[in-house]
PDB file of N, CA and C in Angstrom:
ATOM      1  N   MET A   1      14.185  -9.512  -8.432  1.00  0.00           N
ATOM      2  CA  MET A   1      14.965  -9.674  -9.487  1.00  0.00           C
ATOM      3  C   MET A   1      13.936  -9.086 -10.055  1.00  0.00           C
ATOM      4  N   THR A   2      14.575  -7.636 -11.104  1.00  0.00           N
ATOM      5  CA  THR A   2      13.662  -7.176 -11.816  1.00  0.00           C
ATOM      6  C   THR A   2      13.291  -8.004 -13.574  1.00  0.00           C
ATOM      7  N   THR A   3      12.532  -8.306 -13.556  1.00  0.00           N
ATOM      8  CA  THR A   3      11.761  -8.225 -15.103  1.00  0.00           C
ATOM      9  C   THR A   3      11.927  -7.054 -16.536  1.00  0.00           C
ATOM     10  N   THR A   4      12.597  -7.411 -17.513  1.00  0.00           N
ATOM     11  CA  THR A   4      12.524  -6.357 -18.309  1.00  0.00           C
ATOM     12  C   THR A   4      11.345  -6.651 -19.029  1.00  0.00           C
ATOM     13  N   TYR A   5      10.599  -5.682 -19.233  1.00  0.00           N
ATOM     14  CA  TYR A   5       9.317  -5.479 -20.465  1.00  0.00           C
ATOM     15  C   TYR A   5      10.150  -5.021 -21.993  1.00  0.00           C
ATOM     16  N   HIS A   6       9.504  -5.311 -23.205  1.00  0.00           N
ATOM     17  CA  HIS A   6      10.035  -4.615 -24.388  1.00  0.00           C
ATOM     18  C   HIS A   6       9.376  -3.885 -24.636  1.00  0.00           C
ATOM     19  N   ASN A   7       7.738  -4.158 -24.296  1.00  0.00           N
ATOM     20  CA  ASN A   7       6.916  -2.715 -24.575  1.00  0.00           C
ATOM     21  C   ASN A   7       5.673  -3.047 -23.438  1.00  0.00           C
ATOM     22  N   PRO A   8       4.725  -1.987 -23.333  1.00  0.00           N
ATOM     23  CA  PRO A   8       3.525  -1.856 -22.274  1.00  0.00           C
ATOM     24  C   PRO A   8       2.587  -2.831 -22.076  1.00  0.00           C
ATOM     25  N   VAL A   9       2.030  -3.835 -23.401  1.00  0.00           N
ATOM     26  CA  VAL A   9       1.371  -4.861 -23.569  1.00  0.00           C
ATOM     27  C   VAL A   9       1.994  -5.508 -22.851  1.00  0.00           C
ATOM     28  N   GLU A  10       3.598  -6.336 -22.701  1.00  0.00           N
ATOM     29  CA  GLU A  10       3.777  -7.161 -22.671  1.00  0.00           C
ATOM     30  C   GLU A  10       4.009  -7.223 -21.149  1.00  0.00           C
ATOM     31  N   ALA A  11       3.792  -6.139 -20.008  1.00  0.00           N
ATOM     32  CA  ALA A  11       3.932  -6.144 -19.100  1.00  0.00           C
ATOM     33  C   ALA A  11       2.315  -6.024 -18.198  1.00  0.00           C
ATOM     34  N   THR A  12       1.351  -5.635 -18.522  1.00  0.00           N
ATOM     35  CA  THR A  12       0.012  -5.774 -18.738  1.00  0.00           C
ATOM     36  C   THR A  12      -0.456  -7.583 -18.642  1.00  0.00           C
ATOM     37  N   LEU A  13       0.126  -7.847 -19.410  1.00  0.00           N
ATOM     38  CA  LEU A  13       0.146  -9.126 -19.345  1.00  0.00           C
ATOM     39  C   LEU A  13       0.563 -10.005 -18.654  1.00  0.00           C
ATOM     40  N   SER A  14       2.182  -9.356 -18.088  1.00  0.00           N
ATOM     41  CA  SER A  14       2.509 -10.138 -17.199  1.00  0.00           C
ATOM     42  C   SER A  14       1.762 -10.495 -15.800  1.00  0.00           C
ATOM     43  N   VAL A  15       1.021  -9.730 -15.480  1.00  0.00           N
ATOM     44  CA  VAL A  15      -0.229  -9.204 -14.258  1.00  0.00           C
ATOM     45  C   VAL A  15      -1.284 -10.092 -14.880  1.00  0.00           C
ATOM     46  N   ILE A  16      -1.894  -9.616 -15.900  1.00  0.00           N
ATOM     47  CA  ILE A  16      -3.896 -10.054 -16.399  1.00  0.00           C
ATOM     48  C   ILE A  16      -3.791 -11.109 -17.539  1.00  0.00           C
ATOM     49  N   GLY A  17      -2.648 -11.521 -17.714  1.00  0.00           N
ATOM     50  CA  GLY A  17      -2.811 -12.868 -18.869  1.00  0.00           C
ATOM     51  C   GLY A  17      -3.181 -14.459 -18.221  1.00  0.00           C
ATOM     52  N   GLY A  18      -3.486 -14.528 -18.821  1.00  0.00           N
ATOM     53  CA  GLY A  18      -4.331 -16.313 -18.239  1.00  0.00           C
ATOM     54  C   GLY A  18      -5.535 -15.960 -18.891  1.00  0.00           C
ATOM     55  N   LYS A  19      -6.082 -17.196 -18.377  1.00  0.00           N
ATOM     56  CA  LYS A  19      -7.715 -17.097 -18.955  1.00  0.00           C
ATOM     57  C   LYS A  19      -9.051 -16.955 -18.175  1.00  0.00           C
ATOM     58  N   TRP A  20      -8.364 -16.922 -16.673  1.00  0.00           N
ATOM     59  CA  TRP A  20      -9.231 -16.304 -15.676  1.00  0.00           C
ATOM     60  C   TRP A  20      -9.325 -15.364 -14.986  1.00  0.00           C
ATOM     61  N   LYS A  21      -7.797 -14.368 -15.185  1.00  0.00           N
ATOM     62  CA  LYS A  21      -7.641 -13.273 -14.339  1.00  0.00           C
ATOM     63  C   LYS A  21      -8.347 -12.061 -14.521  1.00  0.00           C
ATOM     64  N   VAL A  22      -8.405 -12.049 -15.513  1.00  0.00           N
ATOM     65  CA  VAL A  22      -9.270 -11.217 -15.993  1.00  0.00           C
ATOM     66  C   VAL A  22     -10.725 -11.156 -15.639  1.00  0.00           C
ATOM     67  N   VAL A  23     -11.475 -12.180 -15.715  1.00  0.00           N
ATOM     68  CA  VAL A  23     -12.819 -12.838 -15.500  1.00  0.00           C
ATOM     69  C   VAL A  23     -12.805 -12.283 -13.852  1.00  0.00           C
ATOM     70  N   ILE A  24     -11.859 -12.555 -13.025  1.00  0.00           N
ATOM     71  CA  ILE A  24     -11.901 -12.487 -10.990  1.00  0.00           C
ATOM     72  C   ILE A  24     -11.979 -10.859 -11.099  1.00  0.00           C
ATOM     73  N   LEU A  25     -11.022 -10.232 -12.151  1.00  0.00           N
ATOM     74  CA  LEU A  25     -11.125  -9.031 -11.800  1.00  0.00           C
ATOM     75  C   LEU A  25     -12.043  -8.011 -11.789  1.00  0.00           C
ATOM     76  N   CYS A  26     -13.058  -8.605 -12.965  1.00  0.00           N
ATOM     77  CA  CYS A  26     -14.169  -7.926 -13.702  1.00  0.00           C
ATOM     78  C   CYS A  26     -15.278  -8.206 -12.161  1.00  0.00           C
ATOM     79  N   LEU A  27     -15.426  -9.863 -11.711  1.00  0.00           N
ATOM     80  CA  LEU A  27     -16.294  -9.689 -10.939  1.00  0.00           C
ATOM     81  C   LEU A  27     -16.055  -8.723  -9.480  1.00  0.00           C
ATOM     82  N   LEU A  28     -14.681  -8.690  -9.032  1.00  0.00           N
ATOM     83  CA  LEU A  28     -14.482  -8.162  -8.372  1.00  0.00           C
ATOM     84  C   LEU A  28     -14.464  -6.451  -8.259  1.00  0.00           C
ATOM     85  N   LYS A  29     -14.394  -5.884  -9.249  1.00  0.00           N
ATOM     86  CA  LYS A  29     -14.354  -4.626  -9.863  1.00  0.00           C
ATOM     87  C   LYS A  29     -16.257  -4.201  -9.656  1.00  0.00           C
ATOM     88  N   GLU A  30     -17.171  -5.284  -9.824  1.00  0.00           N
ATOM     89  CA  GLU A  30     -18.415  -5.077  -9.460  1.00  0.00           C
ATOM     90  C   GLU A  30     -18.855  -4.855  -8.294  1.00  0.00           C
ATOM     91  N   THR A  31     -17.869  -5.600  -7.589  1.00  0.00           N
ATOM     92  CA  THR A  31     -18.492  -5.513  -5.501  1.00  0.00           C
ATOM     93  C   THR A  31     -17.125  -4.816  -4.979  1.00  0.00           C
ATOM     94  N   ASP A  32     -17.740  -4.995  -3.642  1.00  0.00           N
ATOM     95  CA  ASP A  32     -16.469  -4.243  -2.792  1.00  0.00           C
ATOM     96  C   ASP A  32     -15.596  -5.409  -2.411  1.00  0.00           C
ATOM     97  N   THR A  33     -16.327  -6.618  -1.948  1.00  0.00           N
ATOM     98  CA  THR A  33     -15.378  -7.881  -1.402  1.00  0.00           C
ATOM     99  C   THR A  33     -16.133  -8.640  -2.311  1.00  0.00           C
ATOM    100  N   MET A  34     -15.660 -10.396  -1.904  1.00  0.00           N
ATOM    101  CA  MET A  34     -16.009 -11.356  -2.959  1.00  0.00           C
ATOM    102  C   MET A  34     -15.761 -12.514  -1.620  1.00  0.00           C
ATOM    103  N   ARG A  35     -16.066 -13.507  -1.487  1.00  0.00           N
ATOM    104  CA  ARG A  35     -15.363 -14.969  -1.024  1.00  0.00           C
ATOM    105  C   ARG A  35     -15.255 -15.499  -1.755  1.00  0.00           C
ATOM    106  N   PHE A  36     -14.140 -16.661  -1.601  1.00  0.00           N
ATOM    107  CA  PHE A  36     -13.600 -17.922  -2.404  1.00  0.00           C
ATOM    108  C   PHE A  36     -14.965 -18.265  -2.898  1.00  0.00           C
ATOM    109  N   SER A  37     -15.632 -19.299  -1.963  1.00  0.00           N
ATOM    110  CA  SER A  37     -17.317 -19.324  -2.341  1.00  0.00           C
ATOM    111  C   SER A  37     -18.246 -19.041  -4.035  1.00  0.00           C
ATOM    112  N   ASP A  38     -17.915 -17.319  -3.572  1.00  0.00           N
ATOM    113  CA  ASP A  38     -18.297 -16.941  -4.511  1.00  0.00           C
ATOM    114  C   ASP A  38     -18.303 -16.526  -5.398  1.00  0.00           C
ATOM    115  N   LEU A  39     -16.635 -16.576  -5.918  1.00  0.00           N
ATOM    116  CA  LEU A  39     -15.707 -16.671  -6.544  1.00  0.00           C
ATOM    117  C   LEU A  39     -16.270 -17.561  -7.739  1.00  0.00           C
ATOM    118  N   GLN A  40     -15.814 -18.951  -6.864  1.00  0.00           N
ATOM    119  CA  GLN A  40     -15.890 -20.173  -7.531  1.00  0.00           C
ATOM    120  C   GLN A  40     -17.468 -20.194  -8.084  1.00  0.00           C
ATOM    121  N   ARG A  41     -18.526 -20.144  -7.885  1.00  0.00           N
ATOM    122  CA  ARG A  41     -19.734 -19.945  -7.742  1.00  0.00           C
ATOM    123  C   ARG A  41     -20.266 -19.247  -9.134  1.00  0.00           C
ATOM    124  N   ALA A  42     -19.356 -18.134  -8.870  1.00  0.00           N
ATOM    125  CA  ALA A  42     -19.770 -16.817 -10.215  1.00  0.00           C
ATOM    126  C   ALA A  42     -18.851 -17.377 -11.862  1.00  0.00           C
ATOM    127  N   ILE A  43     -17.781 -18.482 -11.382  1.00  0.00           N
ATOM    128  CA  ILE A  43     -16.851 -18.731 -12.538  1.00  0.00           C
ATOM    129  C   ILE A  43     -17.148 -20.320 -12.284  1.00  0.00           C
ATOM    130  N   PRO A  44     -18.173 -21.448 -13.154  1.00  0.00           N
ATOM    131  CA  PRO A  44     -18.717 -22.123 -12.850  1.00  0.00           C
ATOM    132  C   PRO A  44     -17.588 -23.294 -13.292  1.00  0.00           C
ATOM    133  N   ASP A  45     -16.596 -22.824 -14.268  1.00  0.00           N
ATOM    134  CA  ASP A  45     -16.312 -23.812 -15.538  1.00  0.00           C
ATOM    135  C   ASP A  45     -14.528 -24.223 -14.046  1.00  0.00           C
ATOM    136  N   ILE A  46     -14.253 -22.876 -13.641  1.00  0.00           N
ATOM    137  CA  ILE A  46     -12.903 -23.001 -12.854  1.00  0.00           C
ATOM    138  C   ILE A  46     -12.833 -23.840 -11.974  1.00  0.00           C
ATOM    139  N   THR A  47     -11.472 -24.503 -11.694  1.00  0.00           N
ATOM    140  CA  THR A  47     -11.120 -25.435 -10.511  1.00  0.00           C
ATOM    141  C   THR A  47     -10.632 -24.428  -9.082  1.00  0.00           C
ATOM    142  N   LYS A  48     -11.060 -25.364  -8.121  1.00  0.00           N
ATOM    143  CA  LYS A  48     -10.361 -24.508  -6.893  1.00  0.00           C
ATOM    144  C   LYS A  48      -8.902 -24.484  -6.797  1.00  0.00           C
ATOM    145  N   LYS A  49      -8.488 -25.289  -7.548  1.00  0.00           N
ATOM    146  CA  LYS A  49      -6.980 -25.141  -7.675  1.00  0.00           C
ATOM    147  C   LYS A  49      -6.689 -23.589  -8.391  1.00  0.00           C
ATOM    148  N   MET A  50      -6.755 -23.820 -10.448  1.00  0.00           N
ATOM    149  CA  MET A  50      -6.875 -22.912 -10.568  1.00  0.00           C
ATOM    150  C   MET A  50      -7.258 -21.670 -10.305  1.00  0.00           C
ATOM    151  N   LEU A  51      -8.726 -21.270  -9.598  1.00  0.00           N
ATOM    152  CA  LEU A  51      -9.047 -19.904  -8.839  1.00  0.00           C
ATOM    153  C   LEU A  51      -7.482 -19.965  -7.465  1.00  0.00           C
ATOM    154  N   SER A  52      -7.169 -20.317  -7.102  1.00  0.00           N
ATOM    155  CA  SER A  52      -5.857 -20.395  -5.947  1.00  0.00           C
ATOM    156  C   SER A  52      -5.132 -19.791  -6.115  1.00  0.00           C
ATOM    157  N   GLN A  53      -4.621 -20.443  -7.044  1.00  0.00           N
ATOM    158  CA  GLN A  53      -3.548 -20.402  -8.321  1.00  0.00           C
ATOM    159  C   GLN A  53      -3.623 -18.332  -8.927  1.00  0.00           C
ATOM    160  N   GLN A  54      -5.327 -18.747  -9.208  1.00  0.00           N
ATOM    161  CA  GLN A  54      -4.922 -17.080 -10.216  1.00  0.00           C
ATOM    162  C   GLN A  54      -5.032 -16.076  -8.832  1.00  0.00           C
ATOM    163  N   LEU A  55      -5.528 -15.990  -8.002  1.00  0.00           N
ATOM    164  CA  LEU A  55      -5.750 -15.238  -6.896  1.00  0.00           C
ATOM    165  C   LEU A  55      -4.262 -15.419  -6.173  1.00  0.00           C
ATOM    166  N   ARG A  56      -3.636 -16.215  -5.548  1.00  0.00           N
ATOM    167  CA  ARG A  56      -2.621 -15.830  -5.356  1.00  0.00           C
ATOM    168  C   ARG A  56      -1.678 -15.461  -6.111  1.00  0.00           C
ATOM    169  N   GLU A  57      -1.671 -15.478  -7.544  1.00  0.00           N
ATOM    170  CA  GLU A  57      -0.718 -14.580  -8.398  1.00  0.00           C
ATOM    171  C   GLU A  57      -1.498 -13.321  -8.747  1.00  0.00           C
ATOM    172  N   LEU A  58      -2.794 -12.588  -8.045  1.00  0.00           N
ATOM    173  CA  LEU A  58      -2.962 -11.221  -8.149  1.00  0.00           C
ATOM    174  C   LEU A  58      -2.592 -11.001  -7.053  1.00  0.00           C
ATOM    175  N   GLU A  59      -2.661 -11.866  -5.938  1.00  0.00           N
ATOM    176  CA  GLU A  59      -2.081 -11.172  -4.857  1.00  0.00           C
ATOM    177  C   GLU A  59      -0.804 -10.811  -4.707  1.00  0.00           C
ATOM    178  N   ALA A  60      -0.263 -11.211  -5.284  1.00  0.00           N
ATOM    179  CA  ALA A  60       1.788 -11.555  -5.624  1.00  0.00           C
ATOM    180  C   ALA A  60       1.819 -10.123  -5.901  1.00  0.00           C
ATOM    181  N   ASP A  61       0.977  -9.482  -7.143  1.00  0.00           N
ATOM    182  CA  ASP A  61       1.091  -8.864  -8.321  1.00  0.00           C
ATOM    183  C   ASP A  61       0.853  -7.366  -7.774  1.00  0.00           C
ATOM    184  N   HIS A  62      -0.047  -7.207  -5.988  1.00  0.00           N
ATOM    185  CA  HIS A  62      -0.610  -6.778  -5.375  1.00  0.00           C
ATOM    186  C   HIS A  62      -2.534  -5.710  -6.111  1.00  0.00           C
ATOM    187  N   ILE A  63      -2.491  -6.818  -7.209  1.00  0.00           N
ATOM    188  CA  ILE A  63      -3.416  -6.457  -7.413  1.00  0.00           C
ATOM    189  C   ILE A  63      -5.334  -6.346  -6.961  1.00  0.00           C
ATOM    190  N   ILE A  64      -5.039  -7.423  -5.826  1.00  0.00           N
ATOM    191  CA  ILE A  64      -6.047  -7.805  -5.282  1.00  0.00           C
ATOM    192  C   ILE A  64      -5.491  -7.635  -3.987  1.00  0.00           C
ATOM    193  N   HIS A  65      -6.449  -7.616  -2.623  1.00  0.00           N
ATOM    194  CA  HIS A  65      -6.277  -8.116  -1.157  1.00  0.00           C
ATOM    195  C   HIS A  65      -6.936  -8.747  -1.006  1.00  0.00           C
ATOM    196  N   ARG A  66      -5.988 -10.053   0.055  1.00  0.00           N
ATOM    197  CA  ARG A  66      -6.990 -10.806   0.581  1.00  0.00           C
ATOM    198  C   ARG A  66      -7.171 -10.330   1.957  1.00  0.00           C
ATOM    199  N   THR A  67      -8.112 -10.663   2.710  1.00  0.00           N
ATOM    200  CA  THR A  67      -8.275 -10.003   4.078  1.00  0.00           C
ATOM    201  C   THR A  67      -8.405 -11.825   4.967  1.00  0.00           C
ATOM    202  N   VAL A  68      -8.124 -11.875   6.052  1.00  0.00           N
ATOM    203  CA  VAL A  68      -8.849 -13.412   6.803  1.00  0.00           C
ATOM    204  C   VAL A  68      -9.380 -13.144   7.550  1.00  0.00           C
ATOM    205  N   TYR A  69     -10.432 -13.043   8.044  1.00  0.00           N
ATOM    206  CA  TYR A  69     -10.722 -12.891   9.771  1.00  0.00           C
ATOM    207  C   TYR A  69     -10.713 -14.158  10.416  1.00  0.00           C
ATOM    208  N   ASP A  70     -10.316 -13.669  11.331  1.00  0.00           N
ATOM    209  CA  ASP A  70      -9.925 -14.633  12.868  1.00  0.00           C
ATOM    210  C   ASP A  70     -11.270 -15.062  13.579  1.00  0.00           C
ATOM    211  N   GLU A  71     -12.514 -15.453  12.747  1.00  0.00           N
ATOM    212  CA  GLU A  71     -13.179 -16.329  13.616  1.00  0.00           C
ATOM    213  C   GLU A  71     -13.771 -18.260  12.811  1.00  0.00           C
ATOM    214  N   MET A  72     -14.193 -18.833  13.034  1.00  0.00           N
ATOM    215  CA  MET A  72     -14.407 -20.300  12.886  1.00  0.00           C
ATOM    216  C   MET A  72     -16.508 -20.531  12.677  1.00  0.00           C
ATOM    217  N   PRO A  73     -15.772 -20.684  11.353  1.00  0.00           N
ATOM    218  CA  PRO A  73     -14.824 -21.307  10.428  1.00  0.00           C
ATOM    219  C   PRO A  73     -14.196 -19.836   9.384  1.00  0.00           C
ATOM    220  N   PRO A  74     -12.766 -20.397   9.306  1.00  0.00           N
ATOM    221  CA  PRO A  74     -12.012 -18.956   8.791  1.00  0.00           C
ATOM    222  C   PRO A  74     -13.027 -18.356   7.488  1.00  0.00           C
ATOM    223  N   ARG A  75     -12.748 -16.840   7.705  1.00  0.00           N
ATOM    224  CA  ARG A  75     -13.918 -16.359   6.245  1.00  0.00           C
ATOM    225  C   ARG A  75     -12.939 -15.205   5.753  1.00  0.00           C
ATOM    226  N   VAL A  76     -12.326 -15.992   4.020  1.00  0.00           N
ATOM    227  CA  VAL A  76     -11.642 -14.723   3.451  1.00  0.00           C
ATOM    228  C   VAL A  76     -11.981 -14.224   2.810  1.00  0.00           C
ATOM    229  N   GLU A  77     -11.767 -12.850   2.495  1.00  0.00           N
ATOM    230  CA  GLU A  77     -12.573 -12.065   1.103  1.00  0.00           C
ATOM    231  C   GLU A  77     -11.233 -11.715   0.602  1.00  0.00           C
ATOM    232  N   TYR A  78     -11.521 -11.208  -0.836  1.00  0.00           N
ATOM    233  CA  TYR A  78     -11.098 -10.773  -1.890  1.00  0.00           C
ATOM    234  C   TYR A  78     -11.399  -9.698  -2.562  1.00  0.00           C
ATOM    235  N   SER A  79     -10.636  -8.420  -2.809  1.00  0.00           N
ATOM    236  CA  SER A  79     -11.172  -7.309  -3.315  1.00  0.00           C
ATOM    237  C   SER A  79      -9.830  -6.375  -3.560  1.00  0.00           C
ATOM    238  N   LEU A  80     -10.390  -5.271  -4.857  1.00  0.00           N
ATOM    239  CA  LEU A  80      -9.646  -4.694  -5.671  1.00  0.00           C
ATOM    240  C   LEU A  80      -8.532  -4.090  -4.409  1.00  0.00           C
ATOM    241  N   THR A  81      -6.976  -4.077  -4.498  1.00  0.00           N
ATOM    242  CA  THR A  81      -5.988  -2.936  -4.327  1.00  0.00           C
ATOM    243  C   THR A  81      -6.518  -1.552  -4.765  1.00  0.00           C
ATOM    244  N   SER A  82      -5.719  -0.613  -4.436  1.00  0.00           N
ATOM    245  CA  SER A  82      -5.532   0.666  -5.246  1.00  0.00           C
ATOM    246  C   SER A  82      -5.125   0.962  -6.107  1.00  0.00           C
ATOM    247  N   GLU A  83      -3.760  -0.452  -6.238  1.00  0.00           N
ATOM    248  CA  GLU A  83      -3.390  -0.955  -7.738  1.00  0.00           C
ATOM    249  C   GLU A  83      -4.682  -1.491  -8.912  1.00  0.00           C
ATOM    250  N   GLY A  84      -5.241  -2.191  -8.320  1.00  0.00           N
ATOM    251  CA  GLY A  84      -6.099  -3.177  -9.059  1.00  0.00           C
ATOM    252  C   GLY A  84      -7.390  -2.403  -9.047  1.00  0.00           C
ATOM    253  N   GLU A  85      -8.063  -0.872  -8.615  1.00  0.00           N
ATOM    254  CA  GLU A  85      -8.822  -0.133  -9.065  1.00  0.00           C
ATOM    255  C   GLU A  85      -8.141   0.778 -10.383  1.00  0.00           C
ATOM    256  N   THR A  86      -6.828   0.854 -10.329  1.00  0.00           N
ATOM    257  CA  THR A  86      -6.254   2.031 -11.761  1.00  0.00           C
ATOM    258  C   THR A  86      -6.870   0.766 -12.680  1.00  0.00           C
ATOM    259  N   MET A  87      -6.732  -0.715 -12.454  1.00  0.00           N
ATOM    260  CA  MET A  87      -7.152  -1.333 -14.068  1.00  0.00           C
ATOM    261  C   MET A  87      -8.937  -1.139 -14.384  1.00  0.00           C
ATOM    262  N   ARG A  88      -9.639  -0.378 -13.531  1.00  0.00           N
ATOM    263  CA  ARG A  88     -10.868  -0.362 -13.827  1.00  0.00           C
ATOM    264  C   ARG A  88     -11.259   0.139 -15.405  1.00  0.00           C
ATOM    265  N   PRO A  89     -10.825   1.344 -15.712  1.00  0.00           N
ATOM    266  CA  PRO A  89     -11.128   1.865 -17.165  1.00  0.00           C
ATOM    267  C   PRO A  89     -10.957   0.644 -18.448  1.00  0.00           C
ATOM    268  N   MET A  90      -9.586   0.067 -18.153  1.00  0.00           N
ATOM    269  CA  MET A  90      -9.450  -1.385 -19.205  1.00  0.00           C
ATOM    270  C   MET A  90     -10.852  -2.275 -18.988  1.00  0.00           C
ATOM    271  N   LEU A  91     -10.976  -2.672 -17.366  1.00  0.00           N
ATOM    272  CA  LEU A  91     -11.594  -3.450 -17.260  1.00  0.00           C
ATOM    273  C   LEU A  91     -12.967  -3.401 -18.177  1.00  0.00           C
ATOM    274  N   ASN A  92     -13.292  -2.328 -17.916  1.00  0.00           N
ATOM    275  CA  ASN A  92     -15.120  -1.530 -18.176  1.00  0.00           C
ATOM    276  C   ASN A  92     -15.117  -1.555 -19.733  1.00  0.00           C
ATOM    277  N   ALA A  93     -13.117  -1.221 -20.214  1.00  0.00           N
ATOM    278  CA  ALA A  93     -13.262  -1.112 -22.234  1.00  0.00           C
ATOM    279  C   ALA A  93     -13.507  -2.862 -22.389  1.00  0.00           C
ATOM    280  N   MET A  94     -13.042  -3.908 -21.881  1.00  0.00           N
ATOM    281  CA  MET A  94     -12.649  -5.028 -22.407  1.00  0.00           C
ATOM    282  C   MET A  94     -14.529  -5.741 -22.153  1.00  0.00           C
ATOM    283  N   CYS A  95     -15.065  -5.293 -20.867  1.00  0.00           N
ATOM    284  CA  CYS A  95     -16.315  -5.901 -20.976  1.00  0.00           C
ATOM    285  C   CYS A  95     -17.677  -5.287 -21.811  1.00  0.00           C
ATOM    286  N   ALA A  96     -17.105  -3.856 -22.184  1.00  0.00           N
ATOM    287  CA  ALA A  96     -17.932  -3.219 -23.917  1.00  0.00           C
ATOM    288  C   ALA A  96     -17.348  -3.987 -24.977  1.00  0.00           C
ATOM    289  N   TRP A  97     -16.772  -4.167 -25.300  1.00  0.00           N
ATOM    290  CA  TRP A  97     -15.909  -5.123 -26.101  1.00  0.00           C
ATOM    291  C   TRP A  97     -16.724  -6.184 -26.404  1.00  0.00           C
ATOM    292  N   GLY A  98     -16.425  -6.942 -25.026  1.00  0.00           N
ATOM    293  CA  GLY A  98     -17.008  -8.115 -25.310  1.00  0.00           C
ATOM    294  C   GLY A  98     -18.646  -8.356 -25.572  1.00  0.00           C
ATOM    295  N   SER A  99     -19.327  -7.003 -25.105  1.00  0.00           N
ATOM    296  CA  SER A  99     -20.639  -7.040 -25.070  1.00  0.00           C
ATOM    297  C   SER A  99     -20.937  -6.964 -26.500  1.00  0.00           C
ATOM    298  N   ARG A 100     -20.067  -5.855 -26.920  1.00  0.00           N
ATOM    299  CA  ARG A 100     -20.616  -5.799 -28.545  1.00  0.00           C
ATOM    300  C   ARG A 100     -20.293  -6.514 -29.226  1.00  0.00           C
ATOM    301  N   LYS A 101     -19.075  -7.618 -29.240  1.00  0.00           N
ATOM    302  CA  LYS A 101     -18.895  -9.081 -29.471  1.00  0.00           C
ATOM    303  C   LYS A 101     -20.179  -9.924 -29.508  1.00  0.00           C
ATOM    304  N   MET A 102     -20.713 -10.408 -28.410  1.00  0.00           N
ATOM    305  CA  MET A 102     -21.647 -11.152 -27.946  1.00  0.00           C
ATOM    306  C   MET A 102     -23.656 -10.684 -28.409  1.00  0.00           C
ATOM    307  N   GLY A 103     -23.422  -9.579 -28.911  1.00  0.00           N
ATOM    308  CA  GLY A 103     -24.412  -8.675 -29.619  1.00  0.00           C
ATOM    309  C   GLY A 103     -25.198  -8.756 -28.612  1.00  0.00           C
ATOM    310  N   GLN A 104     -25.010  -8.383 -27.207  1.00  0.00           N
ATOM    311  CA  GLN A 104     -26.103  -8.238 -26.323  1.00  0.00           C
ATOM    312  C   GLN A 104     -25.704  -6.779 -25.357  1.00  0.00           C
ATOM    313  N   GLN A 105     -26.493  -6.310 -24.677  1.00  0.00           N
ATOM    314  CA  GLN A 105     -26.101  -5.102 -23.716  1.00  0.00           C
ATOM    315  C   GLN A 105     -25.636  -5.392 -22.475  1.00  0.00           C
ATOM    316  N   ALA A 106     -24.396  -5.297 -21.965  1.00  0.00           N
ATOM    317  CA  ALA A 106     -24.405  -5.397 -20.095  1.00  0.00           C
ATOM    318  C   ALA A 106     -23.721  -4.546 -19.943  1.00  0.00           C
ATOM    319  N   GLU A 107     -24.125  -4.373 -18.688  1.00  0.00           N
ATOM    320  CA  GLU A 107     -23.451  -2.961 -17.802  1.00  0.00           C
ATOM    321  C   GLU A 107     -22.127  -3.645 -17.212  1.00  0.00           C
ATOM    322  N   CYS A 108     -21.805  -2.611 -17.479  1.00  0.00           N
ATOM    323  CA  CYS A 108     -20.016  -2.530 -17.324  1.00  0.00           C
ATOM    324  C   CYS A 108     -19.756  -2.036 -16.946  1.00  0.00           C
ATOM    325  N   GLU A 109     -20.553  -0.429 -16.087  1.00  0.00           N
ATOM    326  CA  GLU A 109     -19.673   0.237 -15.739  1.00  0.00           C
ATOM    327  C   GLU A 109     -19.980   0.115 -13.877  1.00  0.00           C
TER     328      GLU A 109
END
């Protein structure tokens, strides 16, 4: 089933809309990989259920990659896909705008 969008912003928001997805993507753009527990520690207000849901949706949209390592206990890491990497300029711009809004200097690139 193909979704029909009426403008480019609608298409963008269908992938990154919601309270936590952009926060997750900004964290992942700063590191090569992050584990679930690292993401949860970095976003203290998110529940495990919501983090899992947001990660699944970003993975389904091919924005992040989930790597499961065959070890005990199991280790799972998340990283940006090549499609996710194309969002880096937009994420940097959002970070810069937010820094100005907050009245602080933040490292965004």
